[in-house]
Amino acid sequence: MKADTEKITALAEGVAQDELVELIDVEIATEGPRSVIRVFVDREGGATVRDCVSFSRKLSAILDVEDPVSGPYSLEVSTPGLNRRLSQPKHFAACTGRRVRVSLSVPVGGSRNFRGVLIGSDEEGIDLSRGGRTFRLPYRLMRKANLEVTQEELFGKGTRRR
């Protein structure tokens, strides 16, 4: 089974513009005999279930006509969640000053796994502060990166969860 990732992403971008949501990411995976297209959308204030359903219906109809996937597939549309995946420079730029978790394909400064505060980003990579040191992590070495939401961000400063 082959899926035209660029075409699916372009079609999803068009639907995102029509639906007034931001296309965060498109993932295509093979699970058993079928492809799974996962689309993540968001909007200011957070996307709702209704946003995801409407987006899914429109994109599904377009995929049926355009047929960018050979063989059977499933379409899943959701929000990126609290610990959202970061995969594009614009994702990192939006998270400056927040905690992130990054896994690299090769070590930088003796480590492949980093947790720290994102202090800057550009088109080549990010600067991450960890333990009083700053590390330069190039995008080309990143296997996975996620926002790491803290308890304070969820519940407010000084609030204890029970």
Protein backbone atom coordinates (compact mmCIF):
# COMPACT_ATOMS: atom_id res chain seq x y z
CA MET A 1 0.00 0.00 0.00
CA LYS A 2 1.28 3.39 -0.95
CA ALA A 3 -0.01 6.74 0.19
CA ASP A 4 0.89 10.05 -1.41
CA THR A 5 1.79 11.94 1.76
CA GLU A 6 2.38 15.28 0.02
CA LYS A 7 -0.96 15.13 -1.76
CA ILE A 8 -2.84 14.13 1.40
CA THR A 9 -1.18 16.98 3.32
CA ALA A 10 -2.07 19.47 0.58
CA LEU A 11 -5.70 18.27 0.56
CA ALA A 12 -5.83 18.50 4.37
CA GLU A 13 -4.41 22.07 4.22
CA GLY A 14 -7.25 23.06 1.91
CA VAL A 15 -9.86 21.61 4.26
CA ALA A 16 -8.17 23.32 7.23
CA GLN A 17 -8.49 26.69 5.49
CA ASP A 18 -12.18 26.05 4.74
CA GLU A 19 -12.84 24.91 8.32
CA LEU A 20 -10.84 27.76 9.90
CA VAL A 21 -8.60 25.37 11.83
CA GLU A 22 -4.83 24.96 11.85
CA LEU A 23 -3.42 21.78 10.38
CA ILE A 24 -0.87 20.66 12.97
CA ASP A 25 0.34 17.39 11.47
CA VAL A 26 -0.45 14.52 9.12
CA GLU A 27 0.85 11.02 9.89
CA ILE A 28 0.47 8.02 7.64
CA ALA A 29 1.14 4.57 9.03
CA THR A 30 0.56 1.00 7.92
CA GLU A 31 -1.33 -1.11 10.42
CA GLY A 32 -1.99 -4.60 9.21
CA PRO A 33 -3.56 -4.65 5.76
CA ARG A 34 -4.53 -0.97 5.71
CA SER A 35 -3.06 2.50 5.89
CA VAL A 36 -4.06 4.83 8.70
CA ILE A 37 -4.13 8.55 7.98
CA ARG A 38 -3.96 10.56 11.21
CA VAL A 39 -4.67 14.26 10.95
CA PHE A 40 -4.20 16.63 13.87
CA VAL A 41 -5.99 19.99 13.89
CA ASP A 42 -6.30 22.81 16.37
CA ARG A 43 -7.67 26.33 16.65
CA GLU A 44 -7.32 29.28 18.99
CA GLY A 45 -8.98 28.23 22.23
CA GLY A 46 -8.85 24.55 21.24
CA ALA A 47 -10.60 22.50 18.57
CA THR A 48 -13.80 20.70 19.52
CA VAL A 49 -15.19 17.28 18.68
CA ARG A 50 -17.54 19.05 16.27
CA ASP A 51 -14.52 20.63 14.52
CA CYS A 52 -12.90 17.21 14.15
CA VAL A 53 -16.11 15.58 12.84
CA SER A 54 -16.70 18.33 10.28
CA PHE A 55 -13.06 18.22 9.15
CA SER A 56 -13.17 14.43 8.90
CA ARG A 57 -16.32 14.40 6.77
CA LYS A 58 -14.96 16.96 4.33
CA LEU A 59 -11.50 15.41 4.01
CA SER A 60 -12.98 11.91 3.68
CA ALA A 61 -15.16 13.01 0.75
CA ILE A 62 -12.16 14.62 -0.96
CA LEU A 63 -9.94 11.55 -0.38
CA ASP A 64 -12.63 9.35 -1.94
CA VAL A 65 -12.53 11.47 -5.10
CA GLU A 66 -8.77 12.16 -5.26
CA ASP A 67 -7.79 8.59 -4.23
CA PRO A 68 -4.24 9.31 -2.96
CA VAL A 69 -4.04 5.95 -1.14
CA SER A 70 -3.78 2.62 -2.89
CA GLY A 71 -5.73 0.03 -0.95
CA PRO A 72 -7.91 0.29 2.14
CA TYR A 73 -7.32 3.02 4.70
CA SER A 74 -8.77 4.57 7.84
CA LEU A 75 -8.95 8.30 8.51
CA GLU A 76 -8.55 9.60 12.08
CA VAL A 77 -8.92 13.29 12.89
CA SER A 78 -8.15 14.63 16.36
CA THR A 79 -6.49 17.42 18.29
CA PRO A 80 -2.81 17.09 19.14
CA GLY A 81 -3.48 16.86 22.90
CA LEU A 82 -1.62 18.39 25.82
CA ASN A 83 1.75 16.75 25.18
CA ARG A 84 1.56 17.53 21.50
CA ARG A 85 4.14 16.33 19.06
CA LEU A 86 6.45 19.01 17.70
CA SER A 87 7.66 18.41 14.17
CA GLN A 88 7.94 21.72 12.32
CA PRO A 89 9.92 24.89 13.06
CA LYS A 90 6.65 26.79 13.60
CA HIS A 91 5.63 24.27 16.31
CA PHE A 92 8.86 24.88 18.21
CA ALA A 93 8.62 28.67 17.80
CA ALA A 94 5.14 28.60 19.36
CA CYS A 95 6.51 26.72 22.41
CA THR A 96 9.42 29.02 23.29
CA GLY A 97 9.76 29.26 27.05
CA ARG A 98 7.99 25.96 27.68
CA ARG A 99 9.27 22.52 28.66
CA VAL A 100 9.89 20.02 25.85
CA ARG A 101 11.13 16.46 25.57
CA VAL A 102 13.36 15.56 22.60
CA SER A 103 14.76 12.21 21.46
CA LEU A 104 17.68 12.25 19.00
CA SER A 105 19.01 9.68 16.53
CA VAL A 106 22.62 10.39 17.59
CA PRO A 107 23.97 11.83 20.85
CA VAL A 108 24.60 15.54 21.37
CA GLY A 109 26.73 16.39 24.38
CA GLY A 110 26.72 12.71 25.35
CA SER A 111 22.94 12.31 25.43
CA ARG A 112 20.18 11.24 23.04
CA ASN A 113 17.27 12.20 25.30
CA PHE A 114 16.64 15.73 26.52
CA ARG A 115 14.07 17.36 28.79
CA GLY A 116 14.33 21.07 29.32
CA VAL A 117 13.10 24.54 28.49
CA LEU A 118 12.98 25.57 24.84
CA ILE A 119 14.79 28.91 24.79
CA GLY A 120 14.90 29.50 21.05
CA SER A 121 14.45 28.02 17.61
CA ASP A 122 15.17 28.79 13.97
CA GLU A 123 14.97 26.94 10.65
CA GLU A 124 17.90 24.63 11.56
CA GLY A 125 17.10 23.56 15.11
CA ILE A 126 16.40 24.52 18.70
CA ASP A 127 18.26 25.75 21.76
CA LEU A 128 17.27 23.88 24.89
CA SER A 129 18.24 24.72 28.46
CA ARG A 130 18.83 21.74 30.75
CA GLY A 131 20.61 21.71 34.08
CA GLY A 132 22.10 25.18 33.62
CA ARG A 133 23.52 24.32 30.18
CA THR A 134 22.26 25.19 26.72
CA PHE A 135 22.23 22.54 24.00
CA ARG A 136 21.83 23.11 20.27
CA LEU A 137 19.63 20.33 18.84
CA PRO A 138 19.32 20.24 15.04
CA TYR A 139 15.96 19.16 13.56
CA ARG A 140 17.75 16.67 11.28
CA LEU A 141 18.80 14.63 14.34
CA MET A 142 15.37 14.59 16.01
CA ARG A 143 13.51 11.30 16.16
CA LYS A 144 10.68 12.65 18.30
CA ALA A 145 9.84 15.86 20.16
CA ASN A 146 6.89 16.69 22.39
CA LEU A 147 5.65 19.57 24.48
CA GLU A 148 5.78 18.61 28.14
CA VAL A 149 2.90 20.15 30.05
CA THR A 150 3.69 20.72 33.72
CA GLN A 151 1.36 20.27 36.68
CA GLU A 152 1.52 24.04 37.29
CA GLU A 153 0.34 24.73 33.73
CA LEU A 154 -2.59 22.37 34.20
CA PHE A 155 -3.68 23.29 37.71
CA GLY A 156 -2.14 26.71 38.39
CA LYS A 157 0.79 27.73 40.50
CA GLY A 158 0.56 26.57 44.09
CA THR A 159 -2.33 24.20 43.38
CA ARG A 160 -1.86 20.64 44.50
CA ARG A 161 -3.54 17.79 42.74
CA ARG A 162 -5.35 15.28 44.93
